[in-house]
PDB file of N, CA and C in Angstrom:
ATOM      1  N   UNK A   1      42.464 190.109 133.341  1.00  0.00           N
ATOM      2  CA  UNK A   1      43.830 189.693 133.533  1.00  0.00           C
ATOM      3  C   UNK A   1      44.639 190.880 134.023  1.00  0.00           C
ATOM      4  N   UNK A   2      45.537 190.611 134.940  1.00  0.00           N
ATOM      5  CA  UNK A   2      46.366 191.667 135.513  1.00  0.00           C
ATOM      6  C   UNK A   2      47.397 192.164 134.503  1.00  0.00           C
ATOM      7  N   UNK A   3      47.537 193.475 134.413  1.00  0.00           N
ATOM      8  CA  UNK A   3      48.516 194.065 133.515  1.00  0.00           C
ATOM      9  C   UNK A   3      49.898 193.977 134.161  1.00  0.00           C
ATOM     10  N   UNK A   4      50.888 193.575 133.379  1.00  0.00           N
ATOM     11  CA  UNK A   4      52.251 193.461 133.866  1.00  0.00           C
ATOM     12  C   UNK A   4      53.052 194.619 133.281  1.00  0.00           C
ATOM     13  N   UNK A   5      53.437 195.568 134.148  1.00  0.00           N
ATOM     14  CA  UNK A   5      54.069 196.798 133.685  1.00  0.00           C
ATOM     15  C   UNK A   5      55.589 196.727 133.583  1.00  0.00           C
ATOM     16  N   UNK A   6      56.237 196.035 134.499  1.00  0.00           N
ATOM     17  CA  UNK A   6      57.690 196.000 134.500  1.00  0.00           C
ATOM     18  C   UNK A   6      58.164 194.694 135.123  1.00  0.00           C
ATOM     19  N   UNK A   7      59.477 194.542 135.218  1.00  0.00           N
ATOM     20  CA  UNK A   7      60.004 193.271 135.723  1.00  0.00           C
ATOM     21  C   UNK A   7      59.581 193.005 137.160  1.00  0.00           C
ATOM     22  N   UNK A   8      59.367 194.039 137.942  1.00  0.00           N
ATOM     23  CA  UNK A   8      58.975 193.834 139.335  1.00  0.00           C
ATOM     24  C   UNK A   8      57.521 193.406 139.442  1.00  0.00           C
ATOM     25  N   UNK A   9      56.661 194.001 138.643  1.00  0.00           N
ATOM     26  CA  UNK A   9      55.264 193.571 138.687  1.00  0.00           C
ATOM     27  C   UNK A   9      55.129 192.174 138.090  1.00  0.00           C
ATOM     28  N   UNK A  10      55.998 191.825 137.129  1.00  0.00           N
ATOM     29  CA  UNK A  10      55.978 190.478 136.578  1.00  0.00           C
ATOM     30  C   UNK A  10      56.373 189.464 137.645  1.00  0.00           C
ATOM     31  N   UNK A  11      57.401 189.787 138.422  1.00  0.00           N
ATOM     32  CA  UNK A  11      57.811 188.889 139.504  1.00  0.00           C
ATOM     33  C   UNK A  11      56.699 188.744 140.532  1.00  0.00           C
ATOM     34  N   UNK A  12      56.032 189.834 140.830  1.00  0.00           N
ATOM     35  CA  UNK A  12      54.912 189.759 141.767  1.00  0.00           C
ATOM     36  C   UNK A  12      53.784 188.915 141.182  1.00  0.00           C
ATOM     37  N   UNK A  13      53.540 189.072 139.894  1.00  0.00           N
ATOM     38  CA  UNK A  13      52.520 188.260 139.210  1.00  0.00           C
ATOM     39  C   UNK A  13      52.847 186.771 139.352  1.00  0.00           C
ATOM     40  N   UNK A  14      54.128 186.416 139.143  1.00  0.00           N
ATOM     41  CA  UNK A  14      54.561 185.023 139.277  1.00  0.00           C
ATOM     42  C   UNK A  14      54.364 184.525 140.707  1.00  0.00           C
ATOM     43  N   UNK A  15      54.732 185.349 141.667  1.00  0.00           N
ATOM     44  CA  UNK A  15      54.553 184.969 143.071  1.00  0.00           C
ATOM     45  C   UNK A  15      53.073 184.759 143.383  1.00  0.00           C
ATOM     46  N   UNK A  16      52.233 185.633 142.864  1.00  0.00           N
ATOM     47  CA  UNK A  16      50.786 185.503 143.074  1.00  0.00           C
ATOM     48  C   UNK A  16      50.262 184.210 142.449  1.00  0.00           C
ATOM     49  N   UNK A  17      50.764 183.876 141.242  1.00  0.00           N
ATOM     50  CA  UNK A  17      50.360 182.632 140.575  1.00  0.00           C
ATOM     51  C   UNK A  17      50.745 181.420 141.413  1.00  0.00           C
ATOM     52  N   UNK A  18      51.962 181.438 141.941  1.00  0.00           N
ATOM     53  CA  UNK A  18      52.429 180.311 142.743  1.00  0.00           C
ATOM     54  C   UNK A  18      51.622 180.192 144.036  1.00  0.00           C
ATOM     55  N   UNK A  19      51.329 181.310 144.653  1.00  0.00           N
ATOM     56  CA  UNK A  19      50.522 181.303 145.880  1.00  0.00           C
ATOM     57  C   UNK A  19      49.126 180.739 145.600  1.00  0.00           C
ATOM     58  N   UNK A  20      48.538 181.160 144.497  1.00  0.00           N
ATOM     59  CA  UNK A  20      47.217 180.666 144.101  1.00  0.00           C
ATOM     60  C   UNK A  20      47.260 179.155 143.894  1.00  0.00           C
ATOM     61  N   UNK A  21      48.318 178.681 143.233  1.00  0.00           N
ATOM     62  CA  UNK A  21      48.471 177.250 142.989  1.00  0.00           C
ATOM     63  C   UNK A  21      48.613 176.494 144.312  1.00  0.00           C
ATOM     64  N   UNK A  22      49.440 177.003 145.211  1.00  0.00           N
ATOM     65  CA  UNK A  22      49.639 176.333 146.499  1.00  0.00           C
ATOM     66  C   UNK A  22      48.353 176.299 147.312  1.00  0.00           C
ATOM     67  N   UNK A  23      47.571 177.359 147.244  1.00  0.00           N
ATOM     68  CA  UNK A  23      46.276 177.368 147.935  1.00  0.00           C
ATOM     69  C   UNK A  23      45.326 176.336 147.323  1.00  0.00           C
ATOM     70  N   UNK A  24      45.381 176.203 146.011  1.00  0.00           N
ATOM     71  CA  UNK A  24      44.509 175.267 145.303  1.00  0.00           C
ATOM     72  C   UNK A  24      44.812 173.819 145.689  1.00  0.00           C
ATOM     73  N   UNK A  25      46.069 173.514 145.918  1.00  0.00           N
ATOM     74  CA  UNK A  25      46.465 172.125 146.178  1.00  0.00           C
ATOM     75  C   UNK A  25      46.711 171.844 147.659  1.00  0.00           C
ATOM     76  N   UNK A  26      46.347 172.751 148.515  1.00  0.00           N
ATOM     77  CA  UNK A  26      46.696 172.667 149.940  1.00  0.00           C
ATOM     78  C   UNK A  26      46.360 171.314 150.577  1.00  0.00           C
ATOM     79  N   UNK A  27      45.207 170.776 150.329  1.00  0.00           N
ATOM     80  CA  UNK A  27      44.791 169.537 150.986  1.00  0.00           C
ATOM     81  C   UNK A  27      44.698 168.353 150.029  1.00  0.00           C
ATOM     82  N   UNK A  28      45.402 168.415 148.948  1.00  0.00           N
ATOM     83  CA  UNK A  28      45.302 167.351 147.945  1.00  0.00           C
ATOM     84  C   UNK A  28      46.162 166.149 148.302  1.00  0.00           C
ATOM     85  N   UNK A  29      45.776 165.007 147.813  1.00  0.00           N
ATOM     86  CA  UNK A  29      46.602 163.806 147.938  1.00  0.00           C
ATOM     87  C   UNK A  29      47.116 163.364 146.565  1.00  0.00           C
ATOM     88  N   UNK A  30      46.768 164.122 145.534  1.00  0.00           N
ATOM     89  CA  UNK A  30      47.203 163.809 144.176  1.00  0.00           C
ATOM     90  C   UNK A  30      48.638 164.307 143.991  1.00  0.00           C
ATOM     91  N   UNK A  31      49.617 163.413 143.796  1.00  0.00           N
ATOM     92  CA  UNK A  31      51.006 163.862 143.666  1.00  0.00           C
ATOM     93  C   UNK A  31      51.243 164.751 142.444  1.00  0.00           C
ATOM     94  N   UNK A  32      50.422 164.616 141.415  1.00  0.00           N
ATOM     95  CA  UNK A  32      50.583 165.439 140.217  1.00  0.00           C
ATOM     96  C   UNK A  32      50.254 166.904 140.503  1.00  0.00           C
ATOM     97  N   UNK A  33      49.486 167.161 141.531  1.00  0.00           N
ATOM     98  CA  UNK A  33      49.130 168.539 141.873  1.00  0.00           C
ATOM     99  C   UNK A  33      50.321 169.346 142.373  1.00  0.00           C
ATOM    100  N   UNK A  34      51.364 168.682 142.807  1.00  0.00           N
ATOM    101  CA  UNK A  34      52.538 169.410 143.290  1.00  0.00           C
ATOM    102  C   UNK A  34      53.361 170.006 142.145  1.00  0.00           C
ATOM    103  N   UNK A  35      53.076 169.602 140.916  1.00  0.00           N
ATOM    104  CA  UNK A  35      53.821 170.118 139.761  1.00  0.00           C
ATOM    105  C   UNK A  35      53.184 171.428 139.313  1.00  0.00           C
ATOM    106  N   UNK A  36      53.939 172.504 139.425  1.00  0.00           N
ATOM    107  CA  UNK A  36      53.432 173.832 139.066  1.00  0.00           C
ATOM    108  C   UNK A  36      53.378 174.027 137.553  1.00  0.00           C
ATOM    109  N   UNK A  37      54.392 173.536 136.841  1.00  0.00           N
ATOM    110  CA  UNK A  37      54.480 173.794 135.398  1.00  0.00           C
ATOM    111  C   UNK A  37      54.907 172.546 134.634  1.00  0.00           C
ATOM    112  N   UNK A  38      54.221 172.283 133.526  1.00  0.00           N
ATOM    113  CA  UNK A  38      54.649 171.285 132.547  1.00  0.00           C
ATOM    114  C   UNK A  38      55.130 172.072 131.342  1.00  0.00           C
ATOM    115  N   UNK A  39      56.386 171.865 130.969  1.00  0.00           N
ATOM    116  CA  UNK A  39      56.948 172.568 129.819  1.00  0.00           C
ATOM    117  C   UNK A  39      56.845 171.698 128.575  1.00  0.00           C
ATOM    118  N   UNK A  40      56.410 172.334 127.506  1.00  0.00           N
ATOM    119  CA  UNK A  40      56.285 171.661 126.212  1.00  0.00           C
ATOM    120  C   UNK A  40      57.300 172.283 125.246  1.00  0.00           C
ATOM    121  N   UNK A  41      58.204 171.462 124.749  1.00  0.00           N
ATOM    122  CA  UNK A  41      59.157 171.899 123.742  1.00  0.00           C
ATOM    123  C   UNK A  41      58.580 171.492 122.393  1.00  0.00           C
ATOM    124  N   UNK A  42      57.981 172.434 121.676  1.00  0.00           N
ATOM    125  CA  UNK A  42      57.231 172.105 120.463  1.00  0.00           C
ATOM    126  C   UNK A  42      58.077 171.951 119.217  1.00  0.00           C
ATOM    127  N   UNK A  43      59.324 172.400 119.273  1.00  0.00           N
ATOM    128  CA  UNK A  43      60.190 172.268 118.103  1.00  0.00           C
ATOM    129  C   UNK A  43      61.651 172.259 118.526  1.00  0.00           C
ATOM    130  N   UNK A  44      62.462 171.655 117.680  1.00  0.00           N
ATOM    131  CA  UNK A  44      63.910 171.650 117.880  1.00  0.00           C
ATOM    132  C   UNK A  44      64.575 172.638 116.914  1.00  0.00           C
ATOM    133  N   UNK A  45      63.801 173.617 116.475  1.00  0.00           N
ATOM    134  CA  UNK A  45      64.320 174.650 115.579  1.00  0.00           C
ATOM    135  C   UNK A  45      64.329 175.993 116.296  1.00  0.00           C
ATOM    136  N   UNK A  46      65.355 176.767 116.036  1.00  0.00           N
ATOM    137  CA  UNK A  46      65.365 178.144 116.530  1.00  0.00           C
ATOM    138  C   UNK A  46      66.046 179.023 115.492  1.00  0.00           C
ATOM    139  N   UNK A  47      65.603 180.249 115.429  1.00  0.00           N
ATOM    140  CA  UNK A  47      66.135 181.190 114.448  1.00  0.00           C
ATOM    141  C   UNK A  47      67.114 182.178 115.068  1.00  0.00           C
ATOM    142  N   UNK A  48      67.515 181.934 116.303  1.00  0.00           N
ATOM    143  CA  UNK A  48      68.508 182.777 116.978  1.00  0.00           C
ATOM    144  C   UNK A  48      69.565 181.908 117.620  1.00  0.00           C
ATOM    145  N   UNK A  49      70.622 182.557 118.085  1.00  0.00           N
ATOM    146  CA  UNK A  49      71.703 181.873 118.791  1.00  0.00           C
ATOM    147  C   UNK A  49      72.028 182.685 120.047  1.00  0.00           C
ATOM    148  N   UNK A  50      71.147 182.620 121.028  1.00  0.00           N
ATOM    149  CA  UNK A  50      71.307 183.378 122.270  1.00  0.00           C
ATOM    150  C   UNK A  50      72.403 182.747 123.123  1.00  0.00           C
ATOM    151  N   UNK A  51      73.257 183.588 123.728  1.00  0.00           N
ATOM    152  CA  UNK A  51      74.410 183.083 124.474  1.00  0.00           C
ATOM    153  C   UNK A  51      74.018 182.252 125.696  1.00  0.00           C
ATOM    154  N   UNK A  52      72.828 182.443 126.230  1.00  0.00           N
ATOM    155  CA  UNK A  52      72.405 181.693 127.415  1.00  0.00           C
ATOM    156  C   UNK A  52      71.820 180.320 127.065  1.00  0.00           C
ATOM    157  N   UNK A  53      71.691 180.020 125.792  1.00  0.00           N
ATOM    158  CA  UNK A  53      71.039 178.787 125.341  1.00  0.00           C
ATOM    159  C   UNK A  53      72.078 177.790 124.846  1.00  0.00           C
ATOM    160  N   UNK A  54      71.887 176.496 125.121  1.00  0.00           N
ATOM    161  CA  UNK A  54      72.829 175.504 124.589  1.00  0.00           C
ATOM    162  C   UNK A  54      72.870 175.483 123.064  1.00  0.00           C
ATOM    163  N   UNK A  55      71.812 175.975 122.425  1.00  0.00           N
ATOM    164  CA  UNK A  55      71.766 176.007 120.965  1.00  0.00           C
ATOM    165  C   UNK A  55      72.729 177.057 120.390  1.00  0.00           C
ATOM    166  N   UNK A  56      73.306 177.855 121.251  1.00  0.00           N
ATOM    167  CA  UNK A  56      74.291 178.863 120.838  1.00  0.00           C
ATOM    168  C   UNK A  56      75.453 178.202 120.083  1.00  0.00           C
ATOM    169  N   UNK A  57      75.817 177.007 120.507  1.00  0.00           N
ATOM    170  CA  UNK A  57      76.906 176.276 119.863  1.00  0.00           C
ATOM    171  C   UNK A  57      76.320 175.091 119.099  1.00  0.00           C
ATOM    172  N   UNK A  58      76.290 175.146 117.763  1.00  0.00           N
ATOM    173  CA  UNK A  58      75.674 174.076 116.970  1.00  0.00           C
ATOM    174  C   UNK A  58      76.352 172.713 117.142  1.00  0.00           C
ATOM    175  N   UNK A  59      77.589 172.693 117.625  1.00  0.00           N
ATOM    176  CA  UNK A  59      78.248 171.414 117.888  1.00  0.00           C
ATOM    177  C   UNK A  59      77.663 170.754 119.134  1.00  0.00           C
ATOM    178  N   UNK A  60      77.195 171.578 120.060  1.00  0.00           N
ATOM    179  CA  UNK A  60      76.610 171.075 121.304  1.00  0.00           C
ATOM    180  C   UNK A  60      75.133 170.744 121.113  1.00  0.00           C
ATOM    181  N   UNK A  61      74.411 171.629 120.447  1.00  0.00           N
ATOM    182  CA  UNK A  61      72.956 171.475 120.335  1.00  0.00           C
ATOM    183  C   UNK A  61      72.502 172.039 118.990  1.00  0.00           C
ATOM    184  N   UNK A  62      72.609 171.254 117.924  1.00  0.00           N
ATOM    185  CA  UNK A  62      72.276 171.761 116.584  1.00  0.00           C
ATOM    186  C   UNK A  62      70.763 171.900 116.367  1.00  0.00           C
ATOM    187  N   UNK A  63      70.401 172.776 115.462  1.00  0.00           N
ATOM    188  CA  UNK A  63      69.011 172.873 115.023  1.00  0.00           C
ATOM    189  C   UNK A  63      68.639 171.590 114.294  1.00  0.00           C
ATOM    190  N   UNK A  64      67.457 171.081 114.616  1.00  0.00           N
ATOM    191  CA  UNK A  64      66.946 169.901 113.923  1.00  0.00           C
ATOM    192  C   UNK A  64      65.473 170.132 113.638  1.00  0.00           C
ATOM    193  N   UNK A  65      65.036 169.712 112.498  1.00  0.00           N
ATOM    194  CA  UNK A  65      63.644 169.918 112.097  1.00  0.00           C
ATOM    195  C   UNK A  65      62.764 168.812 112.692  1.00  0.00           C
ATOM    196  N   UNK A  66      62.658 168.832 114.028  1.00  0.00           N
ATOM    197  CA  UNK A  66      61.816 167.895 114.767  1.00  0.00           C
ATOM    198  C   UNK A  66      60.736 168.716 115.455  1.00  0.00           C
ATOM    199  N   UNK A  67      59.485 168.311 115.285  1.00  0.00           N
ATOM    200  CA  UNK A  67      58.374 169.086 115.823  1.00  0.00           C
ATOM    201  C   UNK A  67      57.379 168.186 116.549  1.00  0.00           C
ATOM    202  N   UNK A  68      56.841 168.687 117.644  1.00  0.00           N
ATOM    203  CA  UNK A  68      55.764 167.999 118.331  1.00  0.00           C
ATOM    204  C   UNK A  68      54.532 168.064 117.440  1.00  0.00           C
ATOM    205  N   UNK A  69      53.784 166.972 117.388  1.00  0.00           N
ATOM    206  CA  UNK A  69      52.597 166.919 116.535  1.00  0.00           C
ATOM    207  C   UNK A  69      51.336 167.250 117.336  1.00  0.00           C
ATOM    208  N   UNK A  70      50.274 167.524 116.615  1.00  0.00           N
ATOM    209  CA  UNK A  70      48.970 167.754 117.258  1.00  0.00           C
ATOM    210  C   UNK A  70      48.559 166.492 118.011  1.00  0.00           C
ATOM    211  N   UNK A  71      48.780 165.345 117.399  1.00  0.00           N
ATOM    212  CA  UNK A  71      48.391 164.075 118.025  1.00  0.00           C
ATOM    213  C   UNK A  71      49.141 163.842 119.332  1.00  0.00           C
ATOM    214  N   UNK A  72      50.448 164.064 119.327  1.00  0.00           N
ATOM    215  CA  UNK A  72      51.228 163.873 120.556  1.00  0.00           C
ATOM    216  C   UNK A  72      50.805 164.862 121.639  1.00  0.00           C
ATOM    217  N   UNK A  73      50.566 166.100 121.249  1.00  0.00           N
ATOM    218  CA  UNK A  73      50.136 167.126 122.211  1.00  0.00           C
ATOM    219  C   UNK A  73      48.774 166.775 122.799  1.00  0.00           C
ATOM    220  N   UNK A  74      47.889 166.281 121.957  1.00  0.00           N
ATOM    221  CA  UNK A  74      46.561 165.881 122.429  1.00  0.00           C
ATOM    222  C   UNK A  74      46.672 164.727 123.419  1.00  0.00           C
ATOM    223  N   UNK A  75      47.530 163.773 123.119  1.00  0.00           N
ATOM    224  CA  UNK A  75      47.738 162.644 124.030  1.00  0.00           C
ATOM    225  C   UNK A  75      48.254 163.128 125.384  1.00  0.00           C
ATOM    226  N   UNK A  76      49.232 164.019 125.361  1.00  0.00           N
ATOM    227  CA  UNK A  76      49.777 164.565 126.611  1.00  0.00           C
ATOM    228  C   UNK A  76      48.685 165.285 127.388  1.00  0.00           C
ATOM    229  N   UNK A  77      47.926 166.119 126.707  1.00  0.00           N
ATOM    230  CA  UNK A  77      46.854 166.883 127.373  1.00  0.00           C
ATOM    231  C   UNK A  77      45.799 165.952 127.959  1.00  0.00           C
ATOM    232  N   UNK A  78      45.423 164.921 127.207  1.00  0.00           N
ATOM    233  CA  UNK A  78      44.425 163.971 127.717  1.00  0.00           C
ATOM    234  C   UNK A  78      44.934 163.253 128.960  1.00  0.00           C
ATOM    235  N   UNK A  79      46.197 162.876 128.958  1.00  0.00           N
ATOM    236  CA  UNK A  79      46.761 162.203 130.138  1.00  0.00           C
ATOM    237  C   UNK A  79      46.817 163.153 131.330  1.00  0.00           C
ATOM    238  N   UNK A  80      47.199 164.387 131.105  1.00  0.00           N
ATOM    239  CA  UNK A  80      47.222 165.362 132.203  1.00  0.00           C
ATOM    240  C   UNK A  80      45.819 165.576 132.754  1.00  0.00           C
ATOM    241  N   UNK A  81      44.842 165.683 131.865  1.00  0.00           N
ATOM    242  CA  UNK A  81      43.449 165.858 132.292  1.00  0.00           C
ATOM    243  C   UNK A  81      42.964 164.625 133.060  1.00  0.00           C
ATOM    244  N   UNK A  82      43.346 163.465 132.587  1.00  0.00           N
ATOM    245  CA  UNK A  82      42.961 162.208 133.237  1.00  0.00           C
ATOM    246  C   UNK A  82      43.447 162.162 134.696  1.00  0.00           C
ATOM    247  N   UNK A  83      44.613 162.743 134.938  1.00  0.00           N
ATOM    248  CA  UNK A  83      45.180 162.778 136.284  1.00  0.00           C
ATOM    249  C   UNK A  83      44.875 164.087 137.005  1.00  0.00           C
ATOM    250  N   UNK A  84      43.916 164.855 136.463  1.00  0.00           N
ATOM    251  CA  UNK A  84      43.449 166.081 137.106  1.00  0.00           C
ATOM    252  C   UNK A  84      44.579 167.080 137.347  1.00  0.00           C
ATOM    253  N   UNK A  85      45.430 167.261 136.336  1.00  0.00           N
ATOM    254  CA  UNK A  85      46.530 168.226 136.452  1.00  0.00           C
ATOM    255  C   UNK A  85      45.968 169.643 136.506  1.00  0.00           C
ATOM    256  N   UNK A  86      46.390 170.418 137.513  1.00  0.00           N
ATOM    257  CA  UNK A  86      45.837 171.763 137.703  1.00  0.00           C
ATOM    258  C   UNK A  86      46.854 172.875 137.468  1.00  0.00           C
ATOM    259  N   UNK A  87      48.093 172.529 137.133  1.00  0.00           N
ATOM    260  CA  UNK A  87      49.138 173.532 136.977  1.00  0.00           C
ATOM    261  C   UNK A  87      49.138 174.210 135.619  1.00  0.00           C
ATOM    262  N   UNK A  88      50.240 174.884 135.364  1.00  0.00           N
ATOM    263  CA  UNK A  88      50.420 175.685 134.154  1.00  0.00           C
ATOM    264  C   UNK A  88      51.051 174.837 133.048  1.00  0.00           C
ATOM    265  N   UNK A  89      50.699 175.133 131.794  1.00  0.00           N
ATOM    266  CA  UNK A  89      51.329 174.550 130.614  1.00  0.00           C
ATOM    267  C   UNK A  89      52.168 175.658 129.991  1.00  0.00           C
ATOM    268  N   UNK A  90      53.460 175.421 129.881  1.00  0.00           N
ATOM    269  CA  UNK A  90      54.363 176.423 129.322  1.00  0.00           C
ATOM    270  C   UNK A  90      54.950 175.911 128.015  1.00  0.00           C
ATOM    271  N   UNK A  91      54.670 176.619 126.939  1.00  0.00           N
ATOM    272  CA  UNK A  91      55.257 176.299 125.646  1.00  0.00           C
ATOM    273  C   UNK A  91      56.599 177.017 125.609  1.00  0.00           C
ATOM    274  N   UNK A  92      57.653 176.269 125.850  1.00  0.00           N
ATOM    275  CA  UNK A  92      58.982 176.861 125.980  1.00  0.00           C
ATOM    276  C   UNK A  92      60.016 175.857 125.508  1.00  0.00           C
ATOM    277  N   UNK A  93      61.176 175.885 126.075  1.00  0.00           N
ATOM    278  CA  UNK A  93      62.230 174.955 125.680  1.00  0.00           C
ATOM    279  C   UNK A  93      63.327 175.677 124.932  1.00  0.00           C
ATOM    280  N   UNK A  94      64.044 174.939 124.121  1.00  0.00           N
ATOM    281  CA  UNK A  94      65.175 175.509 123.398  1.00  0.00           C
ATOM    282  C   UNK A  94      64.889 175.682 121.919  1.00  0.00           C
ATOM    283  N   UNK A  95      63.630 175.886 121.577  1.00  0.00           N
ATOM    284  CA  UNK A  95      63.236 176.136 120.199  1.00  0.00           C
ATOM    285  C   UNK A  95      62.260 177.302 120.152  1.00  0.00           C
ATOM    286  N   UNK A  96      62.052 177.842 118.981  1.00  0.00           N
ATOM    287  CA  UNK A  96      61.084 178.931 118.781  1.00  0.00           C
ATOM    288  C   UNK A  96      59.736 178.320 118.427  1.00  0.00           C
ATOM    289  N   UNK A  97      58.793 178.412 119.373  1.00  0.00           N
ATOM    290  CA  UNK A  97      57.474 177.795 119.210  1.00  0.00           C
ATOM    291  C   UNK A  97      56.802 178.105 117.883  1.00  0.00           C
ATOM    292  N   UNK A  98      56.909 179.334 117.440  1.00  0.00           N
ATOM    293  CA  UNK A  98      56.209 179.742 116.228  1.00  0.00           C
ATOM    294  C   UNK A  98      56.782 179.114 114.964  1.00  0.00           C
ATOM    295  N   UNK A  99      57.933 178.428 115.074  1.00  0.00           N
ATOM    296  CA  UNK A  99      58.485 177.719 113.917  1.00  0.00           C
ATOM    297  C   UNK A  99      57.831 176.354 113.730  1.00  0.00           C
ATOM    298  N   UNK A 100      57.068 175.923 114.713  1.00  0.00           N
ATOM    299  CA  UNK A 100      56.256 174.718 114.533  1.00  0.00           C
ATOM    300  C   UNK A 100      54.994 175.157 113.786  1.00  0.00           C
ATOM    301  N   UNK A 101      54.842 174.683 112.574  1.00  0.00           N
ATOM    302  CA  UNK A 101      53.736 175.135 111.726  1.00  0.00           C
ATOM    303  C   UNK A 101      52.360 174.794 112.293  1.00  0.00           C
ATOM    304  N   UNK A 102      52.306 173.873 113.252  1.00  0.00           N
ATOM    305  CA  UNK A 102      51.036 173.473 113.857  1.00  0.00           C
ATOM    306  C   UNK A 102      50.819 174.096 115.241  1.00  0.00           C
ATOM    307  N   UNK A 103      51.580 175.125 115.551  1.00  0.00           N
ATOM    308  CA  UNK A 103      51.514 175.735 116.882  1.00  0.00           C
ATOM    309  C   UNK A 103      50.079 176.083 117.300  1.00  0.00           C
ATOM    310  N   UNK A 104      49.369 176.819 116.466  1.00  0.00           N
ATOM    311  CA  UNK A 104      47.998 177.231 116.819  1.00  0.00           C
ATOM    312  C   UNK A 104      47.095 176.037 117.066  1.00  0.00           C
ATOM    313  N   UNK A 105      47.189 175.043 116.202  1.00  0.00           N
ATOM    314  CA  UNK A 105      46.350 173.851 116.335  1.00  0.00           C
ATOM    315  C   UNK A 105      46.711 173.048 117.591  1.00  0.00           C
ATOM    316  N   UNK A 106      47.997 173.018 117.938  1.00  0.00           N
ATOM    317  CA  UNK A 106      48.437 172.333 119.154  1.00  0.00           C
ATOM    318  C   UNK A 106      47.842 173.001 120.384  1.00  0.00           C
ATOM    319  N   UNK A 107      47.925 174.322 120.428  1.00  0.00           N
ATOM    320  CA  UNK A 107      47.371 175.054 121.572  1.00  0.00           C
ATOM    321  C   UNK A 107      45.858 174.819 121.657  1.00  0.00           C
ATOM    322  N   UNK A 108      45.181 174.887 120.530  1.00  0.00           N
ATOM    323  CA  UNK A 108      43.728 174.651 120.528  1.00  0.00           C
ATOM    324  C   UNK A 108      43.383 173.250 121.010  1.00  0.00           C
ATOM    325  N   UNK A 109      44.129 172.255 120.546  1.00  0.00           N
ATOM    326  CA  UNK A 109      43.866 170.866 120.944  1.00  0.00           C
ATOM    327  C   UNK A 109      44.108 170.674 122.438  1.00  0.00           C
ATOM    328  N   UNK A 110      45.158 171.287 122.947  1.00  0.00           N
ATOM    329  CA  UNK A 110      45.456 171.152 124.378  1.00  0.00           C
ATOM    330  C   UNK A 110      44.446 171.926 125.221  1.00  0.00           C
ATOM    331  N   UNK A 111      44.026 173.069 124.728  1.00  0.00           N
ATOM    332  CA  UNK A 111      43.027 173.866 125.459  1.00  0.00           C
ATOM    333  C   UNK A 111      41.708 173.110 125.562  1.00  0.00           C
ATOM    334  N   UNK A 112      41.367 172.369 124.531  1.00  0.00           N
ATOM    335  CA  UNK A 112      40.135 171.576 124.546  1.00  0.00           C
ATOM    336  C   UNK A 112      40.159 170.569 125.694  1.00  0.00           C
ATOM    337  N   UNK A 113      41.318 169.956 125.931  1.00  0.00           N
ATOM    338  CA  UNK A 113      41.452 168.949 126.981  1.00  0.00           C
ATOM    339  C   UNK A 113      41.698 169.560 128.358  1.00  0.00           C
ATOM    340  N   UNK A 114      42.296 170.743 128.393  1.00  0.00           N
ATOM    341  CA  UNK A 114      42.669 171.393 129.654  1.00  0.00           C
ATOM    342  C   UNK A 114      42.090 172.816 129.697  1.00  0.00           C
ATOM    343  N   UNK A 115      40.772 172.932 129.782  1.00  0.00           N
ATOM    344  CA  UNK A 115      40.136 174.245 129.655  1.00  0.00           C
ATOM    345  C   UNK A 115      40.412 175.217 130.803  1.00  0.00           C
ATOM    346  N   UNK A 116      40.846 174.719 131.954  1.00  0.00           N
ATOM    347  CA  UNK A 116      41.011 175.605 133.106  1.00  0.00           C
ATOM    348  C   UNK A 116      42.458 175.869 133.484  1.00  0.00           C
ATOM    349  N   UNK A 117      43.388 175.284 132.763  1.00  0.00           N
ATOM    350  CA  UNK A 117      44.801 175.485 133.077  1.00  0.00           C
ATOM    351  C   UNK A 117      45.302 176.791 132.473  1.00  0.00           C
ATOM    352  N   UNK A 118      46.311 177.367 133.122  1.00  0.00           N
ATOM    353  CA  UNK A 118      46.971 178.559 132.586  1.00  0.00           C
ATOM    354  C   UNK A 118      47.950 178.099 131.515  1.00  0.00           C
ATOM    355  N   UNK A 119      47.890 178.724 130.350  1.00  0.00           N
ATOM    356  CA  UNK A 119      48.832 178.451 129.265  1.00  0.00           C
ATOM    357  C   UNK A 119      49.721 179.676 129.109  1.00  0.00           C
ATOM    358  N   UNK A 120      51.007 179.433 128.835  1.00  0.00           N
ATOM    359  CA  UNK A 120      51.914 180.537 128.531  1.00  0.00           C
ATOM    360  C   UNK A 120      52.848 180.106 127.419  1.00  0.00           C
ATOM    361  N   UNK A 121      53.370 181.097 126.721  1.00  0.00           N
ATOM    362  CA  UNK A 121      54.279 180.824 125.605  1.00  0.00           C
ATOM    363  C   UNK A 121      55.501 181.718 125.737  1.00  0.00           C
ATOM    364  N   UNK A 122      56.677 181.105 125.722  1.00  0.00           N
ATOM    365  CA  UNK A 122      57.922 181.861 125.679  1.00  0.00           C
ATOM    366  C   UNK A 122      58.382 181.883 124.231  1.00  0.00           C
ATOM    367  N   UNK A 123      58.573 183.082 123.719  1.00  0.00           N
ATOM    368  CA  UNK A 123      58.934 183.233 122.307  1.00  0.00           C
ATOM    369  C   UNK A 123      59.856 184.431 122.147  1.00  0.00           C
ATOM    370  N   UNK A 124      60.684 184.383 121.103  1.00  0.00           N
ATOM    371  CA  UNK A 124      61.437 185.592 120.762  1.00  0.00           C
ATOM    372  C   UNK A 124      60.606 186.477 119.831  1.00  0.00           C
ATOM    373  N   UNK A 125      59.451 185.974 119.394  1.00  0.00           N
ATOM    374  CA  UNK A 125      58.534 186.746 118.559  1.00  0.00           C
ATOM    375  C   UNK A 125      59.075 187.018 117.170  1.00  0.00           C
ATOM    376  N   UNK A 126      60.122 186.327 116.801  1.00  0.00           N
ATOM    377  CA  UNK A 126      60.836 186.600 115.557  1.00  0.00           C
ATOM    378  C   UNK A 126      60.801 185.342 114.694  1.00  0.00           C
ATOM    379  N   UNK A 127      59.779 185.242 113.833  1.00  0.00           N
ATOM    380  CA  UNK A 127      59.677 184.014 113.042  1.00  0.00           C
ATOM    381  C   UNK A 127      59.537 184.284 111.568  1.00  0.00           C
TER     382      UNK A 127
END
């Protein structure tokens, strides 16, 4: 895996990923192949109030103890696999992924169904 040293190499890494994806789908007729990223919001809980996030104002977007389940994640992964989805799975959204107590099991279940997809996780690392 390529080492990402700074924000510029990270941007180049992203550009390289997108180029690789576009090359992979160049002659496809599958409309799902045009989707680069599927974002999974695994929880409606967050332990921070970042100014760039709608959750910053609890009147607008309050914390709620709602979590994606292993079963729902498995269903999503199976459907994506069924349609030969080749893009990235991003665990992101407006919640802190690690606050979902089943996070590890969800990733494992999805990896089982989507063994060749790139997985990424956006986290504040503070749980």
